């Protein structure tokens, strides 16, 4: 759409004086407006109560509206500073037209500026026409008409990042002692196979377990998801599997879980029947080392234990000996 602007005669309550326009520049502001600067001399327009009318003409209708300048910038000869004060997105304004007389020093580096909407799909075009304007009359014979045309760079939609998982099953070693692995111990570094973002950068990566596991047993395989988020907030994910491996944490040539039968839970706590209401025993299997937690009331026991062997399927045996006599009790489970 082409907009045609004409600066027309003004009626002001201020004394009737003329300010001559000698230069026109423009820029795109940080809030995506087209800002047109008009440099003038003879008058500081901040003292004028009604700086101007602008006639806007487009292809289908003519509209005359009272439009004051958006703002004023006075005594600024430097393009870079003009751009900064004018909130321009670029470091300098673009020159559209200038009077030859400006080169003689007649310009006082005072500016008014007007803001207009700009579009990224069609150029925005404005023309300042010659004419008798009270405050911005042409200061030479070559300033008007001055046409400003500008089109914003359309911002491409953000492209979601690409999540890349290492192929499964990814081998994860346990922490030793035949104990389950906590899900929080699985990090994005274990799973990530080179995730990337085509129009930015990866800001965050994290791992989840879609089946809700709270512990990961040795010898089992689990599904995991890798999530990625880019610097614009878009997310993506991929899925793979991990396998939890046994280790020989004490370097004795035997894997930590080698003596644990496959059908038993190495973290299981097995209660032993109390000898009386004031006594109880808890037998806990932890890896290859069998632990007994014994609590009694006024009677002390000692114990020995014998590991269960998977090759013989013999039961675990715990021998409890009462200190007060020579009797011993054997529990097998």
C-alpha atoms as a PDB file:
ATOM      1  CA  UNK A   1       0.000   0.000   0.000  1.00  0.00           C
ATOM      2  CA  UNK A   2       1.281   3.436  -0.952  1.00  0.00           C
ATOM      3  CA  UNK A   3       0.558   6.304   1.365  1.00  0.00           C
ATOM      4  CA  UNK A   4       0.916   9.870   0.113  1.00  0.00           C
ATOM      5  CA  UNK A   5       1.604  12.536   2.708  1.00  0.00           C
ATOM      6  CA  UNK A   6       1.480  16.272   2.166  1.00  0.00           C
ATOM      7  CA  UNK A   7       2.437  18.850   4.731  1.00  0.00           C
ATOM      8  CA  UNK A   8      -0.243  21.547   4.461  1.00  0.00           C
ATOM      9  CA  UNK A   9      -0.745  25.033   5.804  1.00  0.00           C
ATOM     10  CA  UNK A  10      -1.105  25.258   9.547  1.00  0.00           C
ATOM     11  CA  UNK A  11      -2.951  27.625  11.789  1.00  0.00           C
ATOM     12  CA  UNK A  12      -1.208  28.113  15.115  1.00  0.00           C
ATOM     13  CA  UNK A  13      -1.815  30.171  18.201  1.00  0.00           C
ATOM     14  CA  UNK A  14       1.928  30.795  18.269  1.00  0.00           C
ATOM     15  CA  UNK A  15       3.411  33.695  16.311  1.00  0.00           C
ATOM     16  CA  UNK A  16       3.345  32.924  12.606  1.00  0.00           C
ATOM     17  CA  UNK A  17       6.884  32.160  11.548  1.00  0.00           C
ATOM     18  CA  UNK A  18       8.372  29.806   9.030  1.00  0.00           C
ATOM     19  CA  UNK A  19      10.988  27.118   9.534  1.00  0.00           C
ATOM     20  CA  UNK A  20      12.687  25.844   6.428  1.00  0.00           C
ATOM     21  CA  UNK A  21      13.124  22.097   5.962  1.00  0.00           C
ATOM     22  CA  UNK A  22      16.544  21.229   4.585  1.00  0.00           C
ATOM     23  CA  UNK A  23      16.969  17.454   5.013  1.00  0.00           C
ATOM     24  CA  UNK A  24      14.873  14.298   5.300  1.00  0.00           C
ATOM     25  CA  UNK A  25      16.082  11.031   6.789  1.00  0.00           C
ATOM     26  CA  UNK A  26      14.413   7.880   8.008  1.00  0.00           C
ATOM     27  CA  UNK A  27      14.999   4.679   9.979  1.00  0.00           C
ATOM     28  CA  UNK A  28      13.171   1.662  11.377  1.00  0.00           C
ATOM     29  CA  UNK A  29      12.732   1.967  15.142  1.00  0.00           C
ATOM     30  CA  UNK A  30      13.198  -0.744  17.724  1.00  0.00           C
ATOM     31  CA  UNK A  31       9.419  -1.205  17.885  1.00  0.00           C
ATOM     32  CA  UNK A  32       9.173  -1.643  14.081  1.00  0.00           C
ATOM     33  CA  UNK A  33       7.902   1.815  13.172  1.00  0.00           C
ATOM     34  CA  UNK A  34       9.035   3.805  10.161  1.00  0.00           C
ATOM     35  CA  UNK A  35      10.392   7.057  11.630  1.00  0.00           C
ATOM     36  CA  UNK A  36      10.854  10.002   9.237  1.00  0.00           C
ATOM     37  CA  UNK A  37      13.076  12.869  10.385  1.00  0.00           C
ATOM     38  CA  UNK A  38      12.821  16.389   8.937  1.00  0.00           C
ATOM     39  CA  UNK A  39      15.675  18.782   9.673  1.00  0.00           C
ATOM     40  CA  UNK A  40      14.822  22.481   9.689  1.00  0.00           C
ATOM     41  CA  UNK A  41      16.224  25.885  10.554  1.00  0.00           C
ATOM     42  CA  UNK A  42      15.013  29.260  11.800  1.00  0.00           C
ATOM     43  CA  UNK A  43      12.765  27.867  14.521  1.00  0.00           C
ATOM     44  CA  UNK A  44      12.739  25.500  17.507  1.00  0.00           C
ATOM     45  CA  UNK A  45       9.475  23.689  16.832  1.00  0.00           C
ATOM     46  CA  UNK A  46       9.119  22.483  20.417  1.00  0.00           C
ATOM     47  CA  UNK A  47       7.719  25.961  21.137  1.00  0.00           C
ATOM     48  CA  UNK A  48       4.957  25.628  18.536  1.00  0.00           C
ATOM     49  CA  UNK A  49       1.641  24.473  19.939  1.00  0.00           C
ATOM     50  CA  UNK A  50       0.359  22.982  16.662  1.00  0.00           C
ATOM     51  CA  UNK A  51       3.361  21.920  14.616  1.00  0.00           C
ATOM     52  CA  UNK A  52       1.575  20.644  11.545  1.00  0.00           C
ATOM     53  CA  UNK A  53      -1.121  18.901   9.610  1.00  0.00           C
ATOM     54  CA  UNK A  54      -0.401  15.927   7.378  1.00  0.00           C
ATOM     55  CA  UNK A  55      -2.650  14.871   4.535  1.00  0.00           C
ATOM     56  CA  UNK A  56      -2.572  11.124   3.976  1.00  0.00           C
ATOM     57  CA  UNK A  57      -3.643   9.843   0.585  1.00  0.00           C
ATOM     58  CA  UNK A  58      -3.879   6.179  -0.336  1.00  0.00           C
ATOM     59  CA  UNK A  59      -5.222   4.286  -3.315  1.00  0.00           C
ATOM     60  CA  UNK A  60      -8.857   4.275  -2.256  1.00  0.00           C
ATOM     61  CA  UNK A  61      -9.504   7.248  -0.032  1.00  0.00           C
ATOM     62  CA  UNK A  62      -8.205  10.649   0.919  1.00  0.00           C
ATOM     63  CA  UNK A  63      -7.981  11.335   4.613  1.00  0.00           C
ATOM     64  CA  UNK A  64      -6.957  14.618   6.179  1.00  0.00           C
ATOM     65  CA  UNK A  65      -6.015  14.350   9.848  1.00  0.00           C
ATOM     66  CA  UNK A  66      -4.377  16.555  12.414  1.00  0.00           C
ATOM     67  CA  UNK A  67      -1.098  14.787  13.075  1.00  0.00           C
ATOM     68  CA  UNK A  68       1.517  16.412  15.241  1.00  0.00           C
ATOM     69  CA  UNK A  69       5.114  15.261  14.992  1.00  0.00           C
ATOM     70  CA  UNK A  70       5.817  12.291  17.187  1.00  0.00           C
ATOM     71  CA  UNK A  71       8.757  14.091  18.724  1.00  0.00           C
ATOM     72  CA  UNK A  72      11.624  16.565  18.471  1.00  0.00           C
ATOM     73  CA  UNK A  73      15.396  16.216  18.552  1.00  0.00           C
ATOM     74  CA  UNK A  74      17.282  19.500  18.683  1.00  0.00           C
ATOM     75  CA  UNK A  75      20.893  20.441  18.119  1.00  0.00           C
ATOM     76  CA  UNK A  76      22.081  17.036  16.945  1.00  0.00           C
ATOM     77  CA  UNK A  77      24.467  17.053  13.966  1.00  0.00           C
ATOM     78  CA  UNK A  78      25.759  13.488  14.374  1.00  0.00           C
ATOM     79  CA  UNK A  79      23.973  10.682  12.500  1.00  0.00           C
ATOM     80  CA  UNK A  80      24.845   8.034  15.064  1.00  0.00           C
ATOM     81  CA  UNK A  81      23.546  10.115  17.964  1.00  0.00           C
ATOM     82  CA  UNK A  82      20.452  11.023  15.965  1.00  0.00           C
ATOM     83  CA  UNK A  83      19.789   7.320  15.491  1.00  0.00           C
ATOM     84  CA  UNK A  84      20.296   6.626  19.193  1.00  0.00           C
ATOM     85  CA  UNK A  85      18.049   9.461  20.310  1.00  0.00           C
ATOM     86  CA  UNK A  86      15.530   8.490  17.671  1.00  0.00           C
ATOM     87  CA  UNK A  87      15.390   4.869  18.925  1.00  0.00           C
ATOM     88  CA  UNK A  88      16.497   3.579  15.539  1.00  0.00           C
ATOM     89  CA  UNK A  89      17.197  -0.119  15.270  1.00  0.00           C
ATOM     90  CA  UNK A  90      20.135   0.593  12.961  1.00  0.00           C
ATOM     91  CA  UNK A  91      23.184   2.617  13.924  1.00  0.00           C
ATOM     92  CA  UNK A  92      22.482   5.376  11.403  1.00  0.00           C
ATOM     93  CA  UNK A  93      19.515   6.921   9.666  1.00  0.00           C
ATOM     94  CA  UNK A  94      19.164   6.650   5.905  1.00  0.00           C
ATOM     95  CA  UNK A  95      19.384   9.852   3.860  1.00  0.00           C
ATOM     96  CA  UNK A  96      16.429  10.455   1.550  1.00  0.00           C
ATOM     97  CA  UNK A  97      16.996  14.015   0.333  1.00  0.00           C
ATOM     98  CA  UNK A  98      18.935  17.107   1.333  1.00  0.00           C
ATOM     99  CA  UNK A  99      19.099  20.741   0.271  1.00  0.00           C
ATOM    100  CA  UNK A 100      22.331  21.847  -1.324  1.00  0.00           C
ATOM    101  CA  UNK A 101      22.201  24.913   0.928  1.00  0.00           C
ATOM    102  CA  UNK A 102      22.617  22.652   3.961  1.00  0.00           C
ATOM    103  CA  UNK A 103      26.215  22.289   2.993  1.00  0.00           C
ATOM    104  CA  UNK A 104      26.697  26.020   3.587  1.00  0.00           C
ATOM    105  CA  UNK A 105      25.867  25.644   7.283  1.00  0.00           C
ATOM    106  CA  UNK A 106      22.330  27.014   7.214  1.00  0.00           C
ATOM    107  CA  UNK A 107      20.952  23.919   8.967  1.00  0.00           C
ATOM    108  CA  UNK A 108      20.748  24.173  12.752  1.00  0.00           C
ATOM    109  CA  UNK A 109      20.580  20.401  13.270  1.00  0.00           C
ATOM    110  CA  UNK A 110      17.087  20.607  14.760  1.00  0.00           C
ATOM    111  CA  UNK A 111      14.672  17.826  13.823  1.00  0.00           C
ATOM    112  CA  UNK A 112      11.036  16.822  14.020  1.00  0.00           C
ATOM    113  CA  UNK A 113      10.065  13.228  13.354  1.00  0.00           C
ATOM    114  CA  UNK A 114       6.916  11.339  12.420  1.00  0.00           C
ATOM    115  CA  UNK A 115       6.177   7.660  13.092  1.00  0.00           C
ATOM    116  CA  UNK A 116       4.229   5.448  10.705  1.00  0.00           C
ATOM    117  CA  UNK A 117       3.353   1.771  10.624  1.00  0.00           C
ATOM    118  CA  UNK A 118       5.600  -0.456   8.553  1.00  0.00           C
ATOM    119  CA  UNK A 119       4.979  -3.915   7.155  1.00  0.00           C
ATOM    120  CA  UNK A 120       7.155  -6.889   6.363  1.00  0.00           C
ATOM    121  CA  UNK A 121       4.999  -8.140   3.488  1.00  0.00           C
ATOM    122  CA  UNK A 122       4.627  -4.868   1.546  1.00  0.00           C
ATOM    123  CA  UNK A 123       6.808  -1.778   1.329  1.00  0.00           C
ATOM    124  CA  UNK A 124       5.523   1.277   3.185  1.00  0.00           C
ATOM    125  CA  UNK A 125       5.845   4.386   1.041  1.00  0.00           C
ATOM    126  CA  UNK A 126       5.384   8.020   2.055  1.00  0.00           C
ATOM    127  CA  UNK A 127       5.880  11.175   0.023  1.00  0.00           C
ATOM    128  CA  UNK A 128       6.418  14.643   1.460  1.00  0.00           C
ATOM    129  CA  UNK A 129       5.080  17.091  -1.128  1.00  0.00           C
ATOM    130  CA  UNK A 130       6.112  20.642  -1.784  1.00  0.00           C
ATOM    131  CA  UNK A 131       3.752  23.368  -0.622  1.00  0.00           C
ATOM    132  CA  UNK A 132       3.416  26.351   1.647  1.00  0.00           C
ATOM    133  CA  UNK A 133       3.703  24.924   5.123  1.00  0.00           C
ATOM    134  CA  UNK A 134       4.054  27.386   7.944  1.00  0.00           C
ATOM    135  CA  UNK A 135       6.801  25.596   9.817  1.00  0.00           C
ATOM    136  CA  UNK A 136       8.382  23.138   7.407  1.00  0.00           C
ATOM    137  CA  UNK A 137       8.397  25.019   4.167  1.00  0.00           C
ATOM    138  CA  UNK A 138      10.945  23.879   1.647  1.00  0.00           C
ATOM    139  CA  UNK A 139      14.330  25.418   2.322  1.00  0.00           C
ATOM    140  CA  UNK A 140      15.478  24.894  -1.260  1.00  0.00           C
ATOM    141  CA  UNK A 141      14.088  23.885  -4.615  1.00  0.00           C
ATOM    142  CA  UNK A 142      15.098  20.226  -4.540  1.00  0.00           C
ATOM    143  CA  UNK A 143      13.874  18.865  -1.174  1.00  0.00           C
ATOM    144  CA  UNK A 144      10.230  18.123  -2.081  1.00  0.00           C
ATOM    145  CA  UNK A 145       8.759  15.851  -3.219  1.00  0.00           C
ATOM    146  CA  UNK A 146      10.685  13.352  -1.105  1.00  0.00           C
ATOM    147  CA  UNK A 147       9.567   9.732  -1.163  1.00  0.00           C
ATOM    148  CA  UNK A 148      10.474   7.327   1.610  1.00  0.00           C
ATOM    149  CA  UNK A 149       9.950   3.622   0.997  1.00  0.00           C
ATOM    150  CA  UNK A 150      10.867   0.954   3.523  1.00  0.00           C
ATOM    151  CA  UNK A 151       9.973  -2.666   4.153  1.00  0.00           C
ATOM    152  CA  UNK A 152      10.610  -4.525   7.376  1.00  0.00           C
ATOM    153  CA  UNK A 153      12.540  -7.772   7.314  1.00  0.00           C
ATOM    154  CA  UNK A 154       9.964 -10.460   8.048  1.00  0.00           C
ATOM    155  CA  UNK A 155      10.902 -12.563  11.031  1.00  0.00           C
ATOM    156  CA  UNK A 156      10.960 -16.248  10.200  1.00  0.00           C
ATOM    157  CA  UNK A 157       9.039 -18.516  12.540  1.00  0.00           C
ATOM    158  CA  UNK A 158      11.232 -20.283  15.047  1.00  0.00           C
ATOM    159  CA  UNK A 159      12.179 -23.808  14.036  1.00  0.00           C
ATOM    160  CA  UNK A 160      12.007 -26.367  16.826  1.00  0.00           C
ATOM    161  CA  UNK A 161      15.287 -28.019  17.841  1.00  0.00           C
ATOM    162  CA  UNK A 162      16.135 -31.565  16.802  1.00  0.00           C
ATOM    163  CA  UNK A 163      16.553 -34.102  19.610  1.00  0.00           C
ATOM    164  CA  UNK A 164      19.040 -36.871  18.777  1.00  0.00           C
ATOM    165  CA  UNK A 165      19.272 -39.917  21.064  1.00  0.00           C
ATOM    166  CA  UNK A 166      22.100 -42.422  21.089  1.00  0.00           C
ATOM    167  CA  UNK A 167      20.809 -45.767  19.803  1.00  0.00           C
ATOM    168  CA  UNK A 168      19.777 -48.181  22.513  1.00  0.00           C
ATOM    169  CA  UNK A 169      20.314 -50.084  24.536  1.00  0.00           C
ATOM    170  CA  UNK A 170      22.815 -47.608  25.988  1.00  0.00           C
ATOM    171  CA  UNK A 171      25.044 -49.438  28.464  1.00  0.00           C
ATOM    172  CA  UNK A 172      24.965 -47.871  31.939  1.00  0.00           C
ATOM    173  CA  UNK A 173      27.178 -49.274  34.716  1.00  0.00           C
ATOM    174  CA  UNK A 174      25.748 -49.558  38.195  1.00  0.00           C
ATOM    175  CA  UNK A 175      27.350 -47.794  41.114  1.00  0.00           C
ATOM    176  CA  UNK A 176      28.505 -51.075  42.644  1.00  0.00           C
ATOM    177  CA  UNK A 177      27.411 -53.332  45.509  1.00  0.00           C
ATOM    178  CA  UNK A 178      24.591 -54.705  43.348  1.00  0.00           C
ATOM    179  CA  UNK A 179      22.326 -51.806  44.209  1.00  0.00           C
ATOM    180  CA  UNK A 180      19.631 -50.344  41.925  1.00  0.00           C
ATOM    181  CA  UNK A 181      20.468 -47.174  40.017  1.00  0.00           C
ATOM    182  CA  UNK A 182      18.412 -44.056  40.742  1.00  0.00           C
ATOM    183  CA  UNK A 183      16.839 -42.441  37.646  1.00  0.00           C
ATOM    184  CA  UNK A 184      18.356 -39.079  38.591  1.00  0.00           C
ATOM    185  CA  UNK A 185      21.793 -40.612  38.008  1.00  0.00           C
ATOM    186  CA  UNK A 186      21.034 -40.891  34.270  1.00  0.00           C
ATOM    187  CA  UNK A 187      22.025 -37.577  32.666  1.00  0.00           C
ATOM    188  CA  UNK A 188      21.506 -36.010  29.257  1.00  0.00           C
ATOM    189  CA  UNK A 189      25.203 -36.668  28.535  1.00  0.00           C
ATOM    190  CA  UNK A 190      24.438 -40.413  28.694  1.00  0.00           C
ATOM    191  CA  UNK A 191      21.586 -40.120  26.189  1.00  0.00           C
ATOM    192  CA  UNK A 192      22.333 -37.172  23.868  1.00  0.00           C
ATOM    193  CA  UNK A 193      23.630 -38.186  20.461  1.00  0.00           C
ATOM    194  CA  UNK A 194      24.163 -34.695  19.032  1.00  0.00           C
ATOM    195  CA  UNK A 195      20.940 -32.694  19.385  1.00  0.00           C
ATOM    196  CA  UNK A 196      20.981 -29.389  17.494  1.00  0.00           C
ATOM    197  CA  UNK A 197      18.990 -26.276  16.564  1.00  0.00           C
ATOM    198  CA  UNK A 198      19.019 -24.982  12.978  1.00  0.00           C
ATOM    199  CA  UNK A 199      18.153 -21.352  13.798  1.00  0.00           C
ATOM    200  CA  UNK A 200      19.566 -20.863  17.277  1.00  0.00           C
ATOM    201  CA  UNK A 201      21.101 -22.904  20.044  1.00  0.00           C
ATOM    202  CA  UNK A 202      20.127 -25.610  22.514  1.00  0.00           C
ATOM    203  CA  UNK A 203      19.437 -24.019  25.898  1.00  0.00           C
ATOM    204  CA  UNK A 204      18.341 -26.997  28.035  1.00  0.00           C
ATOM    205  CA  UNK A 205      18.477 -30.815  27.938  1.00  0.00           C
ATOM    206  CA  UNK A 206      16.900 -33.207  30.445  1.00  0.00           C
ATOM    207  CA  UNK A 207      15.975 -36.896  30.763  1.00  0.00           C
ATOM    208  CA  UNK A 208      12.667 -38.446  31.848  1.00  0.00           C
ATOM    209  CA  UNK A 209      11.358 -41.983  32.289  1.00  0.00           C
ATOM    210  CA  UNK A 210       7.947 -42.213  30.563  1.00  0.00           C
ATOM    211  CA  UNK A 211       7.018 -45.377  32.489  1.00  0.00           C
ATOM    212  CA  UNK A 212       7.605 -43.684  35.836  1.00  0.00           C
ATOM    213  CA  UNK A 213      10.430 -45.855  37.199  1.00  0.00           C
ATOM    214  CA  UNK A 214      11.816 -44.796  40.576  1.00  0.00           C
ATOM    215  CA  UNK A 215      14.724 -47.274  40.599  1.00  0.00           C
ATOM    216  CA  UNK A 216      16.594 -49.136  37.877  1.00  0.00           C
ATOM    217  CA  UNK A 217      17.547 -52.727  38.645  1.00  0.00           C
ATOM    218  CA  UNK A 218      20.737 -54.289  37.350  1.00  0.00           C
ATOM    219  CA  UNK A 219      20.205 -56.519  34.333  1.00  0.00           C
ATOM    220  CA  UNK A 220      17.055 -54.737  33.176  1.00  0.00           C
ATOM    221  CA  UNK A 221      16.405 -52.453  30.205  1.00  0.00           C
ATOM    222  CA  UNK A 222      14.392 -49.222  30.491  1.00  0.00           C
ATOM    223  CA  UNK A 223      12.865 -46.678  28.120  1.00  0.00           C
ATOM    224  CA  UNK A 224      14.095 -43.094  28.484  1.00  0.00           C
ATOM    225  CA  UNK A 225      13.219 -39.811  26.781  1.00  0.00           C
ATOM    226  CA  UNK A 226      15.650 -36.991  26.030  1.00  0.00           C
ATOM    227  CA  UNK A 227      14.049 -33.529  25.944  1.00  0.00           C
ATOM    228  CA  UNK A 228      15.671 -30.465  24.360  1.00  0.00           C
ATOM    229  CA  UNK A 229      14.651 -26.788  24.434  1.00  0.00           C
ATOM    230  CA  UNK A 230      16.120 -24.057  22.242  1.00  0.00           C
ATOM    231  CA  UNK A 231      16.869 -20.432  23.101  1.00  0.00           C
ATOM    232  CA  UNK A 232      13.417 -19.398  21.841  1.00  0.00           C
ATOM    233  CA  UNK A 233      11.527 -21.852  24.045  1.00  0.00           C
ATOM    234  CA  UNK A 234      10.654 -24.485  21.422  1.00  0.00           C
ATOM    235  CA  UNK A 235      11.030 -28.110  22.534  1.00  0.00           C
ATOM    236  CA  UNK A 236      11.450 -31.565  21.052  1.00  0.00           C
ATOM    237  CA  UNK A 237      12.253 -35.061  22.309  1.00  0.00           C
ATOM    238  CA  UNK A 238      13.477 -38.501  21.302  1.00  0.00           C
ATOM    239  CA  UNK A 239      13.232 -41.971  22.859  1.00  0.00           C
ATOM    240  CA  UNK A 240      15.795 -44.713  23.393  1.00  0.00           C
ATOM    241  CA  UNK A 241      16.599 -47.483  25.889  1.00  0.00           C
ATOM    242  CA  UNK A 242      19.242 -48.044  28.543  1.00  0.00           C
ATOM    243  CA  UNK A 243      20.572 -51.286  30.035  1.00  0.00           C
ATOM    244  CA  UNK A 244      21.838 -51.319  33.631  1.00  0.00           C
ATOM    245  CA  UNK A 245      25.043 -53.361  33.913  1.00  0.00           C
ATOM    246  CA  UNK A 246      26.610 -55.209  36.832  1.00  0.00           C
ATOM    247  CA  UNK A 247      30.159 -54.256  37.869  1.00  0.00           C
ATOM    248  CA  UNK A 248      33.000 -55.755  39.903  1.00  0.00           C
ATOM    249  CA  UNK A 249      33.358 -52.869  42.344  1.00  0.00           C
ATOM    250  CA  UNK A 250      35.872 -54.630  44.623  1.00  0.00           C
ATOM    251  CA  UNK A 251      37.987 -56.054  41.762  1.00  0.00           C
ATOM    252  CA  UNK A 252      37.791 -59.596  43.114  1.00  0.00           C
ATOM    253  CA  UNK A 253      37.055 -61.101  39.725  1.00  0.00           C
ATOM    254  CA  UNK A 254      33.405 -61.679  40.591  1.00  0.00           C
ATOM    255  CA  UNK A 255      30.654 -59.351  39.450  1.00  0.00           C
ATOM    256  CA  UNK A 256      28.780 -57.747  42.327  1.00  0.00           C
ATOM    257  CA  UNK A 257      25.525 -59.528  41.572  1.00  0.00           C
ATOM    258  CA  UNK A 258      27.038 -62.914  40.623  1.00  0.00           C
ATOM    259  CA  UNK A 259      25.941 -64.535  43.884  1.00  0.00           C
ATOM    260  CA  UNK A 260      22.451 -63.077  43.808  1.00  0.00           C
ATOM    261  CA  UNK A 261      19.851 -65.378  42.329  1.00  0.00           C
ATOM    262  CA  UNK A 262      17.945 -63.860  39.405  1.00  0.00           C
ATOM    263  CA  UNK A 263      14.598 -64.394  41.112  1.00  0.00           C
ATOM    264  CA  UNK A 264      15.479 -62.386  44.207  1.00  0.00           C
ATOM    265  CA  UNK A 265      15.501 -58.677  44.900  1.00  0.00           C
ATOM    266  CA  UNK A 266      18.945 -57.619  46.237  1.00  0.00           C
ATOM    267  CA  UNK A 267      17.378 -54.786  48.210  1.00  0.00           C
ATOM    268  CA  UNK A 268      14.787 -57.004  49.887  1.00  0.00           C
ATOM    269  CA  UNK A 269      14.426 -57.017  53.668  1.00  0.00           C
ATOM    270  CA  UNK A 270      13.284 -60.359  55.051  1.00  0.00           C
ATOM    271  CA  UNK A 271      11.776 -60.405  58.563  1.00  0.00           C
ATOM    272  CA  UNK A 272      12.604 -63.274  60.924  1.00  0.00           C
ATOM    273  CA  UNK A 273       9.837 -64.369  63.264  1.00  0.00           C
ATOM    274  CA  UNK A 274      10.223 -62.846  66.730  1.00  0.00           C
ATOM    275  CA  UNK A 275      11.065 -65.201  69.579  1.00  0.00           C
ATOM    276  CA  UNK A 276       8.701 -63.262  71.827  1.00  0.00           C
ATOM    277  CA  UNK A 277       6.781 -59.951  71.562  1.00  0.00           C
ATOM    278  CA  UNK A 278       9.816 -58.006  72.752  1.00  0.00           C
ATOM    279  CA  UNK A 279      12.264 -59.398  70.225  1.00  0.00           C
ATOM    280  CA  UNK A 280      12.599 -59.131  66.437  1.00  0.00           C
ATOM    281  CA  UNK A 281      15.233 -59.756  63.828  1.00  0.00           C
ATOM    282  CA  UNK A 282      15.536 -58.327  60.327  1.00  0.00           C
ATOM    283  CA  UNK A 283      17.749 -60.063  57.797  1.00  0.00           C
ATOM    284  CA  UNK A 284      18.816 -57.835  54.909  1.00  0.00           C
ATOM    285  CA  UNK A 285      20.547 -59.029  51.775  1.00  0.00           C
ATOM    286  CA  UNK A 286      22.693 -56.306  50.269  1.00  0.00           C
ATOM    287  CA  UNK A 287      24.693 -57.363  47.258  1.00  0.00           C
ATOM    288  CA  UNK A 288      27.078 -60.193  48.068  1.00  0.00           C
ATOM    289  CA  UNK A 289      27.242 -59.197  51.717  1.00  0.00           C
ATOM    290  CA  UNK A 290      24.486 -60.436  53.976  1.00  0.00           C
ATOM    291  CA  UNK A 291      23.648 -58.143  56.848  1.00  0.00           C
ATOM    292  CA  UNK A 292      21.654 -58.928  59.963  1.00  0.00           C
ATOM    293  CA  UNK A 293      20.014 -56.217  62.021  1.00  0.00           C
ATOM    294  CA  UNK A 294      19.229 -57.723  65.422  1.00  0.00           C
ATOM    295  CA  UNK A 295      17.202 -56.087  68.166  1.00  0.00           C
ATOM    296  CA  UNK A 296      16.271 -57.807  71.391  1.00  0.00           C
ATOM    297  CA  UNK A 297      14.890 -57.011  74.799  1.00  0.00           C
ATOM    298  CA  UNK A 298      17.296 -57.942  77.628  1.00  0.00           C
ATOM    299  CA  UNK A 299      18.583 -60.964  75.701  1.00  0.00           C
ATOM    300  CA  UNK A 300      21.666 -60.773  73.500  1.00  0.00           C
ATOM    301  CA  UNK A 301      22.268 -62.902  70.439  1.00  0.00           C
ATOM    302  CA  UNK A 302      25.213 -63.425  68.161  1.00  0.00           C
ATOM    303  CA  UNK A 303      24.841 -64.621  64.596  1.00  0.00           C
ATOM    304  CA  UNK A 304      26.637 -66.087  61.633  1.00  0.00           C
ATOM    305  CA  UNK A 305      25.245 -66.408  58.137  1.00  0.00           C
ATOM    306  CA  UNK A 306      25.803 -68.447  55.049  1.00  0.00           C
ATOM    307  CA  UNK A 307      25.203 -67.125  51.548  1.00  0.00           C
ATOM    308  CA  UNK A 308      22.668 -68.690  49.272  1.00  0.00           C
ATOM    309  CA  UNK A 309      24.205 -70.041  46.077  1.00  0.00           C
ATOM    310  CA  UNK A 310      22.232 -69.827  42.866  1.00  0.00           C
ATOM    311  CA  UNK A 311      23.825 -72.984  41.450  1.00  0.00           C
ATOM    312  CA  UNK A 312      22.524 -75.149  44.304  1.00  0.00           C
ATOM    313  CA  UNK A 313      19.371 -73.131  45.030  1.00  0.00           C
ATOM    314  CA  UNK A 314      20.050 -73.764  48.709  1.00  0.00           C
ATOM    315  CA  UNK A 315      18.146 -71.441  51.045  1.00  0.00           C
ATOM    316  CA  UNK A 316      19.739 -68.628  52.972  1.00  0.00           C
ATOM    317  CA  UNK A 317      20.661 -69.755  56.483  1.00  0.00           C
ATOM    318  CA  UNK A 318      21.046 -67.541  59.526  1.00  0.00           C
ATOM    319  CA  UNK A 319      22.220 -69.006  62.827  1.00  0.00           C
ATOM    320  CA  UNK A 320      21.250 -67.143  65.991  1.00  0.00           C
ATOM    321  CA  UNK A 321      22.830 -68.135  69.318  1.00  0.00           C
ATOM    322  CA  UNK A 322      21.422 -66.960  72.630  1.00  0.00           C
ATOM    323  CA  UNK A 323      24.229 -65.836  74.932  1.00  0.00           C
ATOM    324  CA  UNK A 324      22.461 -66.923  78.115  1.00  0.00           C
ATOM    325  CA  UNK A 325      22.663 -70.612  77.216  1.00  0.00           C
ATOM    326  CA  UNK A 326      24.137 -72.923  74.678  1.00  0.00           C
ATOM    327  CA  UNK A 327      20.993 -73.223  72.631  1.00  0.00           C
ATOM    328  CA  UNK A 328      21.023 -72.006  69.033  1.00  0.00           C
ATOM    329  CA  UNK A 329      18.211 -71.386  66.620  1.00  0.00           C
ATOM    330  CA  UNK A 330      18.579 -71.750  62.851  1.00  0.00           C
ATOM    331  CA  UNK A 331      16.343 -69.810  60.455  1.00  0.00           C
ATOM    332  CA  UNK A 332      16.267 -70.870  56.833  1.00  0.00           C
ATOM    333  CA  UNK A 333      14.496 -68.834  54.115  1.00  0.00           C
END
